């Protein structure tokens, strides 16, 4: 059986782990710069708070109903995700980490549902995160099953779709727009042809499905019928690009502040590359003014540089990003957002050196490894490039940030006896 483990309201649940007094109370988490709602507890959903709605439009609703509002704390969420996945791995025969709060797994042999219930209890006990688990013959049906597990109290968080009769019953009224892999346009197209449920999609002519939804839609249809088209894959495919971008807490006007921000973003990208054992061949940097200031002139620009030798070196990637900034920066504008993206990613074991490469890559590799080890042990950016600075006036606005309970010594909980 294929199962999907889905953390319930993950960001909100992470905030509750260390604040049990919030159980049963409405909780929302806001996006970068405390902009929009990106996570809601069930109690917040019951109040009619919509996903993606701007926080300032709900301030009155938050106050009247005692909603607990948090700034996003990705350091905490990432670490809690790692703990959940580490709890799952020994209990599953195979695992494919799908996102920060979801993982596909397989249970071979009998008693799959019993194993799933035991796993759900263990995750809650060891991490404090509640999860729902859906089991089925395929990934797509497992997604349907976990939807049922979340919505129905009678399932107690675990639901299995196994026999043909159970499959038909589960997808009979399941909306096509809620299917895994069906976007807004595909759902609209299907509905225009009178296909509004998953069951109707399974009964559609396969040739018609392929013509209108391509081979992806055909695979979806087969999976809904119980045929595996997407097995659980433990080998995570290498990413094609990595990106670090931020909207600034306050608009940035000076070149030096932009340089500091882009340098920091470039270092983040380089660090991610090294963690994956990868190198990049291109560096892209961009800067944006604030599109919501209608009365102001807008300016957006970006450039890409192709590197002579693939690299994951902080110094080289930062130098490329700053070289781009020198070309696209215009002093008459105030900037609201900037970012760096690295692409053309290749394994670091397959890097071909250039004939005229003057960098001592062995020593640079040792230097980067030492920086990573120090920062891993003592905290992020404890060792940094000088241009990354310390002031960081551009940093995110996080007025409601919770402590980093599991990743920062100063934020550890203190137990009074």
Protein backbone atom coordinates (compact mmCIF):
# COMPACT_ATOMS: atom_id res chain seq x y z
CA UNK A 1 0.00 0.00 0.00
CA UNK A 2 1.05 3.57 -0.70
CA UNK A 3 0.37 6.08 2.05
CA UNK A 4 0.78 9.80 2.42
CA UNK A 5 1.55 11.33 5.80
CA UNK A 6 0.25 14.90 5.90
CA UNK A 7 0.89 17.17 8.89
CA UNK A 8 -2.30 18.94 9.97
CA UNK A 9 -2.12 22.75 9.66
CA UNK A 10 1.64 22.32 9.95
CA UNK A 11 2.90 25.85 10.68
CA UNK A 12 0.12 26.47 13.19
CA UNK A 13 0.76 23.07 14.80
CA UNK A 14 4.48 23.91 15.17
CA UNK A 15 3.55 27.04 17.11
CA UNK A 16 1.30 25.00 19.39
CA UNK A 17 3.90 22.35 20.24
CA UNK A 18 5.68 24.71 22.63
CA UNK A 19 2.53 26.65 23.59
CA UNK A 20 -0.03 24.02 24.70
CA UNK A 21 -2.20 26.84 26.02
CA UNK A 22 -3.05 27.54 22.37
CA UNK A 23 -4.75 24.16 21.87
CA UNK A 24 -8.37 24.71 20.96
CA UNK A 25 -7.76 28.39 20.19
CA UNK A 26 -7.58 30.04 16.75
CA UNK A 27 -4.02 30.36 15.40
CA UNK A 28 -2.81 31.90 12.14
CA UNK A 29 0.68 32.28 10.67
CA UNK A 30 1.58 35.15 8.37
CA UNK A 31 3.83 35.25 5.32
CA UNK A 32 7.07 37.21 4.94
CA UNK A 33 6.83 40.75 6.29
CA UNK A 34 3.62 39.74 8.11
CA UNK A 35 1.71 40.16 4.87
CA UNK A 36 -0.84 37.40 4.27
CA UNK A 37 -2.28 34.39 6.08
CA UNK A 38 -0.41 31.22 5.04
CA UNK A 39 -1.55 28.80 7.76
CA UNK A 40 -4.66 28.44 9.91
CA UNK A 41 -5.74 26.17 12.71
CA UNK A 42 -9.16 24.54 12.40
CA UNK A 43 -10.55 27.11 14.84
CA UNK A 44 -9.29 29.95 12.61
CA UNK A 45 -10.84 28.30 9.55
CA UNK A 46 -14.17 28.14 11.40
CA UNK A 47 -14.04 31.91 11.83
CA UNK A 48 -14.00 32.32 8.05
CA UNK A 49 -10.36 33.42 7.78
CA UNK A 50 -9.27 32.66 4.22
CA UNK A 51 -5.88 31.44 3.09
CA UNK A 52 -3.87 34.20 1.41
CA UNK A 53 -5.98 37.05 2.75
CA UNK A 54 -3.98 40.19 3.75
CA UNK A 55 -3.47 40.38 7.50
CA UNK A 56 -4.38 44.07 7.73
CA UNK A 57 -7.87 43.30 6.42
CA UNK A 58 -8.47 40.90 9.31
CA UNK A 59 -7.02 42.89 12.21
CA UNK A 60 -10.46 43.62 13.63
CA UNK A 61 -11.53 39.98 13.25
CA UNK A 62 -8.33 38.83 14.95
CA UNK A 63 -8.89 41.17 17.90
CA UNK A 64 -12.58 40.37 18.44
CA UNK A 65 -12.07 36.59 18.34
CA UNK A 66 -8.77 36.41 20.20
CA UNK A 67 -6.88 34.98 17.25
CA UNK A 68 -3.23 34.21 18.05
CA UNK A 69 -1.15 35.63 15.19
CA UNK A 70 2.46 34.62 14.45
CA UNK A 71 5.10 35.72 11.99
CA UNK A 72 6.49 32.87 9.90
CA UNK A 73 9.35 31.10 11.68
CA UNK A 74 10.89 28.93 8.97
CA UNK A 75 13.86 27.93 11.14
CA UNK A 76 11.44 26.31 13.59
CA UNK A 77 9.22 24.79 10.90
CA UNK A 78 12.15 23.32 9.00
CA UNK A 79 13.58 21.68 12.10
CA UNK A 80 10.19 20.29 13.16
CA UNK A 81 9.74 18.90 9.64
CA UNK A 82 13.09 17.12 9.93
CA UNK A 83 12.01 15.58 13.24
CA UNK A 84 8.73 14.35 11.74
CA UNK A 85 10.51 12.81 8.73
CA UNK A 86 13.13 11.18 10.96
CA UNK A 87 10.30 9.60 12.96
CA UNK A 88 8.66 8.26 9.80
CA UNK A 89 11.75 6.74 8.15
CA UNK A 90 12.32 3.72 10.46
CA UNK A 91 8.62 2.78 10.35
CA UNK A 92 8.15 2.82 6.56
CA UNK A 93 9.49 0.44 3.92
CA UNK A 94 10.09 3.33 1.51
CA UNK A 95 9.79 7.10 1.86
CA UNK A 96 9.62 10.02 -0.55
CA UNK A 97 9.65 13.41 1.16
CA UNK A 98 7.23 15.40 -0.96
CA UNK A 99 7.19 18.74 0.86
CA UNK A 100 7.95 20.29 4.24
CA UNK A 101 4.80 18.73 5.70
CA UNK A 102 4.09 15.70 3.47
CA UNK A 103 5.77 12.38 2.72
CA UNK A 104 4.73 9.43 0.57
CA UNK A 105 5.59 6.08 2.12
CA UNK A 106 4.94 2.41 1.43
CA UNK A 107 3.79 -0.38 3.75
CA UNK A 108 4.55 -3.82 2.36
CA UNK A 109 2.62 -6.82 3.58
CA UNK A 110 -0.52 -7.05 5.74
CA UNK A 111 -1.76 -4.78 8.54
CA UNK A 112 -0.96 -1.55 6.68
CA UNK A 113 -3.66 0.43 8.46
CA UNK A 114 -2.53 -0.80 11.87
CA UNK A 115 1.03 0.28 11.05
CA UNK A 116 -0.28 3.66 9.91
CA UNK A 117 -2.19 4.21 13.15
CA UNK A 118 0.86 3.24 15.20
CA UNK A 119 2.98 5.66 13.15
CA UNK A 120 0.47 8.48 13.65
CA UNK A 121 0.56 7.96 17.41
CA UNK A 122 4.36 7.86 17.46
CA UNK A 123 4.69 11.11 15.48
CA UNK A 124 2.30 12.87 17.85
CA UNK A 125 4.10 11.50 20.92
CA UNK A 126 7.65 12.20 19.72
CA UNK A 127 7.15 15.56 17.97
CA UNK A 128 3.79 16.92 19.12
CA UNK A 129 2.65 17.32 15.50
CA UNK A 130 -0.76 15.83 14.59
CA UNK A 131 -0.87 14.12 11.19
CA UNK A 132 -3.41 12.49 8.92
CA UNK A 133 -2.58 9.40 6.86
CA UNK A 134 -4.30 8.19 3.70
CA UNK A 135 -3.64 4.70 2.30
CA UNK A 136 -4.46 3.49 -1.20
CA UNK A 137 -3.04 1.57 -4.17
CA UNK A 138 -1.70 4.77 -5.85
CA UNK A 139 -0.40 8.19 -4.84
CA UNK A 140 -3.40 10.00 -6.33
CA UNK A 141 -5.86 7.82 -4.44
CA UNK A 142 -3.76 8.20 -1.28
CA UNK A 143 -4.21 11.97 -1.66
CA UNK A 144 -7.97 11.43 -1.85
CA UNK A 145 -7.81 9.16 1.21
CA UNK A 146 -5.90 11.69 3.32
CA UNK A 147 -8.48 14.33 2.35
CA UNK A 148 -11.17 12.05 3.80
CA UNK A 149 -9.03 11.36 6.88
CA UNK A 150 -8.80 15.08 7.59
CA UNK A 151 -12.44 15.89 7.01
CA UNK A 152 -14.14 12.97 8.79
CA UNK A 153 -13.95 12.58 12.57
CA UNK A 154 -14.89 8.89 12.31
CA UNK A 155 -11.57 8.01 10.62
CA UNK A 156 -9.50 9.07 13.65
CA UNK A 157 -6.88 10.50 11.31
CA UNK A 158 -6.28 7.40 9.14
CA UNK A 159 -8.34 6.28 6.13
CA UNK A 160 -7.80 3.41 3.68
CA UNK A 161 -9.09 3.11 0.13
CA UNK A 162 -8.45 -0.42 -1.09
CA UNK A 163 -11.16 -2.31 -2.98
CA UNK A 164 -12.81 -1.15 -6.24
CA UNK A 165 -16.01 -0.45 -4.33
CA UNK A 166 -14.15 1.75 -1.81
CA UNK A 167 -12.41 3.61 -4.65
CA UNK A 168 -15.73 4.35 -6.37
CA UNK A 169 -17.31 5.51 -3.12
CA UNK A 170 -14.38 7.81 -2.28
CA UNK A 171 -14.19 9.54 -5.66
CA UNK A 172 -17.91 9.60 -6.46
CA UNK A 173 -18.37 13.16 -5.17
CA UNK A 174 -14.71 14.23 -5.01
CA UNK A 175 -14.35 17.55 -6.91
CA UNK A 176 -11.90 17.49 -9.82
CA UNK A 177 -10.41 20.81 -8.70
CA UNK A 178 -9.26 19.13 -5.48
CA UNK A 179 -7.42 16.34 -7.27
CA UNK A 180 -3.64 16.19 -6.92
CA UNK A 181 -2.10 17.66 -10.09
CA UNK A 182 -5.24 19.38 -11.40
CA UNK A 183 -4.80 23.14 -11.63
CA UNK A 184 -7.39 25.87 -12.07
CA UNK A 185 -7.29 25.84 -15.88
CA UNK A 186 -7.55 22.07 -16.17
CA UNK A 187 -10.42 22.00 -13.68
CA UNK A 188 -12.26 24.72 -15.61
CA UNK A 189 -11.77 22.82 -18.88
CA UNK A 190 -13.08 19.58 -17.38
CA UNK A 191 -16.08 21.32 -15.85
CA UNK A 192 -16.91 22.92 -19.20
CA UNK A 193 -17.23 19.38 -20.60
CA UNK A 194 -19.45 18.27 -17.72
CA UNK A 195 -16.74 16.51 -15.73
CA UNK A 196 -16.94 17.82 -12.18
CA UNK A 197 -16.03 14.76 -10.06
CA UNK A 198 -13.11 12.37 -9.97
CA UNK A 199 -15.41 9.44 -10.76
CA UNK A 200 -16.59 11.14 -13.95
CA UNK A 201 -12.95 11.65 -14.94
CA UNK A 202 -12.22 7.93 -14.55
CA UNK A 203 -15.13 7.14 -16.88
CA UNK A 204 -14.05 9.59 -19.59
CA UNK A 205 -12.53 8.31 -22.82
CA UNK A 206 -8.75 7.92 -22.35
CA UNK A 207 -7.99 9.33 -25.80
CA UNK A 208 -10.05 12.43 -25.04
CA UNK A 209 -8.26 12.84 -21.69
CA UNK A 210 -4.85 12.66 -23.36
CA UNK A 211 -5.82 15.19 -26.03
CA UNK A 212 -7.18 17.67 -23.51
CA UNK A 213 -4.97 17.08 -20.43
CA UNK A 214 -1.84 15.62 -22.09
CA UNK A 215 -0.04 12.55 -20.83
CA UNK A 216 -0.11 13.95 -17.28
CA UNK A 217 -3.90 13.85 -17.26
CA UNK A 218 -3.88 10.32 -18.66
CA UNK A 219 -1.58 9.17 -15.84
CA UNK A 220 -3.89 10.83 -13.33
CA UNK A 221 -6.85 8.97 -14.77
CA UNK A 222 -4.99 5.65 -14.58
CA UNK A 223 -4.00 6.31 -10.97
CA UNK A 224 -7.62 7.04 -10.09
CA UNK A 225 -8.45 3.65 -11.60
CA UNK A 226 -5.86 1.99 -9.35
CA UNK A 227 -2.88 1.66 -11.71
CA UNK A 228 0.44 2.94 -10.34
CA UNK A 229 2.02 5.51 -12.68
CA UNK A 230 4.08 7.34 -10.06
CA UNK A 231 5.80 4.96 -7.63
CA UNK A 232 7.30 6.08 -4.34
CA UNK A 233 10.80 7.31 -5.20
CA UNK A 234 13.40 7.43 -2.45
CA UNK A 235 15.94 9.11 -4.74
CA UNK A 236 15.13 12.82 -4.66
CA UNK A 237 15.80 14.34 -8.12
CA UNK A 238 18.43 17.07 -8.22
CA UNK A 239 16.92 20.56 -8.31
CA UNK A 240 17.34 22.52 -11.53
CA UNK A 241 17.72 25.84 -9.74
CA UNK A 242 17.78 27.33 -6.25
CA UNK A 243 16.45 30.74 -5.31
CA UNK A 244 16.64 33.08 -2.34
CA UNK A 245 14.49 36.22 -2.56
CA UNK A 246 12.91 38.53 -0.03
CA UNK A 247 10.56 41.46 0.16
CA UNK A 248 12.25 44.03 2.38
CA UNK A 249 10.78 45.12 5.70
CA UNK A 250 11.31 48.70 4.55
CA UNK A 251 12.22 50.02 1.12
CA UNK A 252 15.92 50.04 0.31
CA UNK A 253 17.32 53.16 -1.31
CA UNK A 254 21.09 52.87 -1.21
CA UNK A 255 23.46 50.75 -3.27
CA UNK A 256 25.28 49.55 -0.15
CA UNK A 257 22.10 48.15 1.41
CA UNK A 258 21.16 46.37 -1.82
CA UNK A 259 24.69 44.99 -2.05
CA UNK A 260 24.44 43.69 1.50
CA UNK A 261 21.09 42.03 0.81
CA UNK A 262 22.09 40.42 -2.50
CA UNK A 263 25.37 39.24 -0.97
CA UNK A 264 23.46 37.52 1.83
CA UNK A 265 21.03 35.92 -0.62
CA UNK A 266 23.92 34.69 -2.77
CA UNK A 267 25.60 33.09 0.26
CA UNK A 268 22.32 31.35 1.13
CA UNK A 269 22.17 29.88 -2.38
CA UNK A 270 25.79 28.74 -2.20
CA UNK A 271 25.18 27.06 1.17
CA UNK A 272 22.15 25.21 -0.21
CA UNK A 273 24.24 24.00 -3.16
CA UNK A 274 26.91 22.56 -0.89
CA UNK A 275 24.32 20.79 1.27
CA UNK A 276 23.07 19.01 -1.85
CA UNK A 277 26.56 18.26 -3.18
CA UNK A 278 25.91 20.47 -6.20
CA UNK A 279 27.47 23.33 -8.16
CA UNK A 280 25.84 25.95 -10.37
CA UNK A 281 26.79 27.22 -13.81
CA UNK A 282 24.65 30.39 -13.86
CA UNK A 283 23.86 33.18 -11.41
CA UNK A 284 20.83 35.47 -11.78
CA UNK A 285 20.12 38.54 -9.68
CA UNK A 286 17.07 40.81 -9.76
CA UNK A 287 15.71 43.93 -8.06
CA UNK A 288 12.12 45.25 -7.94
CA UNK A 289 10.48 48.47 -6.84
CA UNK A 290 7.16 48.37 -4.98
CA UNK A 291 4.36 47.57 -7.49
CA UNK A 292 1.70 48.68 -5.00
CA UNK A 293 2.91 52.29 -5.02
CA UNK A 294 0.81 53.31 -7.99
CA UNK A 295 1.91 56.93 -7.91
CA UNK A 296 5.59 56.04 -8.26
CA UNK A 297 7.56 55.04 -11.35
CA UNK A 298 8.33 51.33 -11.44
CA UNK A 299 11.64 49.68 -12.23
CA UNK A 300 12.37 45.96 -12.40
CA UNK A 301 15.50 44.43 -13.83
CA UNK A 302 17.56 41.26 -13.80
CA UNK A 303 20.62 39.77 -15.45
CA UNK A 304 22.20 36.34 -15.70
CA UNK A 305 25.89 35.52 -15.73
CA UNK A 306 27.26 32.21 -17.00
CA UNK A 307 30.20 31.00 -14.93
CA UNK A 308 33.33 29.63 -16.56
CA UNK A 309 33.60 26.83 -13.98
CA UNK A 310 30.62 25.39 -12.01
CA UNK A 311 30.90 26.40 -8.37
CA UNK A 312 29.28 26.40 -4.93
CA UNK A 313 31.81 28.88 -3.54
CA UNK A 314 30.39 31.81 -1.54
CA UNK A 315 32.96 34.25 -2.89
CA UNK A 316 32.44 33.42 -6.57
CA UNK A 317 28.64 33.42 -6.44
CA UNK A 318 28.55 36.66 -4.44
CA UNK A 319 30.98 38.29 -6.89
CA UNK A 320 28.71 37.33 -9.81
CA UNK A 321 25.60 38.70 -8.04
CA UNK A 322 27.31 42.02 -7.24
CA UNK A 323 28.59 42.28 -10.82
CA UNK A 324 24.97 42.04 -11.97
CA UNK A 325 23.88 44.62 -9.39
CA UNK A 326 26.45 47.07 -10.75
CA UNK A 327 24.78 46.80 -14.15
CA UNK A 328 21.12 47.00 -13.14
CA UNK A 329 21.13 49.36 -10.12
CA UNK A 330 19.51 52.78 -10.67
CA UNK A 331 19.98 55.27 -7.79
CA UNK A 332 16.74 57.20 -8.40
CA UNK A 333 14.51 54.31 -7.21
CA UNK A 334 13.60 52.74 -3.87
CA UNK A 335 13.54 48.96 -3.95
CA UNK A 336 11.09 46.61 -2.27
CA UNK A 337 12.36 43.19 -3.31
CA UNK A 338 15.54 41.51 -4.51
CA UNK A 339 16.80 38.00 -5.03
CA UNK A 340 19.45 35.66 -6.35
CA UNK A 341 18.90 32.43 -8.29
CA UNK A 342 21.52 29.86 -9.23
CA UNK A 343 20.87 27.50 -12.15
CA UNK A 344 22.43 24.97 -14.45
CA UNK A 345 23.00 22.77 -11.40
CA UNK A 346 25.35 19.80 -11.73
CA UNK A 347 26.80 17.31 -9.21
CA UNK A 348 30.00 18.62 -7.63
CA UNK A 349 31.68 15.34 -8.62
CA UNK A 350 31.19 16.17 -12.31
CA UNK A 351 32.71 19.65 -12.40
CA UNK A 352 35.04 20.22 -15.35
CA UNK A 353 37.77 22.76 -14.61
CA UNK A 354 38.65 25.55 -17.02
CA UNK A 355 41.98 25.80 -18.81
CA UNK A 356 42.64 29.29 -17.44
CA UNK A 357 41.01 28.83 -14.02
CA UNK A 358 43.16 30.68 -11.46
CA UNK A 359 41.22 29.65 -8.33
CA UNK A 360 42.80 27.11 -5.99
CA UNK A 361 39.63 25.05 -5.71
CA UNK A 362 40.99 22.54 -3.23
CA UNK A 363 41.78 25.27 -0.68
CA UNK A 364 38.49 27.06 -1.40
CA UNK A 365 36.59 23.82 -0.84
CA UNK A 366 38.30 23.35 2.52
CA UNK A 367 37.48 26.95 3.43
CA UNK A 368 33.78 26.55 2.56
CA UNK A 369 33.62 23.30 4.52
CA UNK A 370 35.12 25.00 7.57
CA UNK A 371 32.64 27.90 7.30
CA UNK A 372 29.73 25.45 7.07
CA UNK A 373 30.93 23.48 10.09
CA UNK A 374 31.37 26.60 12.23
CA UNK A 375 28.00 28.05 11.25
CA UNK A 376 26.30 24.70 11.83
CA UNK A 377 27.78 24.47 15.31
CA UNK A 378 27.51 28.08 16.51
CA UNK A 379 24.66 29.53 14.45
CA UNK A 380 23.86 30.86 11.03
CA UNK A 381 26.23 33.52 9.62
CA UNK A 382 28.58 33.41 12.60
CA UNK A 383 31.26 33.44 9.90
CA UNK A 384 30.27 35.64 7.00
CA UNK A 385 31.68 37.74 4.19
CA UNK A 386 32.29 41.37 5.14
CA UNK A 387 29.79 42.71 2.60
CA UNK A 388 26.98 40.74 4.27
CA UNK A 389 27.13 43.32 7.07
CA UNK A 390 25.41 43.30 10.46
CA UNK A 391 22.92 46.16 10.37
CA UNK A 392 20.57 44.65 7.80
CA UNK A 393 17.98 47.43 7.66
CA UNK A 394 16.36 45.49 4.82
CA UNK A 395 15.53 42.40 6.88
CA UNK A 396 11.99 41.05 7.07
CA UNK A 397 9.42 42.62 9.31
CA UNK A 398 8.55 39.91 11.85
CA UNK A 399 6.76 41.67 14.66
CA UNK A 400 5.09 38.49 15.95
CA UNK A 401 7.96 36.02 15.66
CA UNK A 402 7.96 33.12 18.09
CA UNK A 403 11.22 31.82 19.61
CA UNK A 404 13.35 29.31 17.68
CA UNK A 405 12.74 26.71 20.38
CA UNK A 406 14.78 23.91 18.79
CA UNK A 407 17.53 25.70 16.85
CA UNK A 408 18.80 28.48 19.10
CA UNK A 409 20.29 27.92 22.56
CA UNK A 410 18.98 31.23 23.89
CA UNK A 411 15.41 30.21 22.93
CA UNK A 412 15.36 26.82 24.64
CA UNK A 413 12.47 26.39 27.04
CA UNK A 414 13.34 26.68 30.72
CA UNK A 415 11.66 24.26 33.09
CA UNK A 416 11.19 25.53 36.63
CA UNK A 417 11.12 22.86 39.31
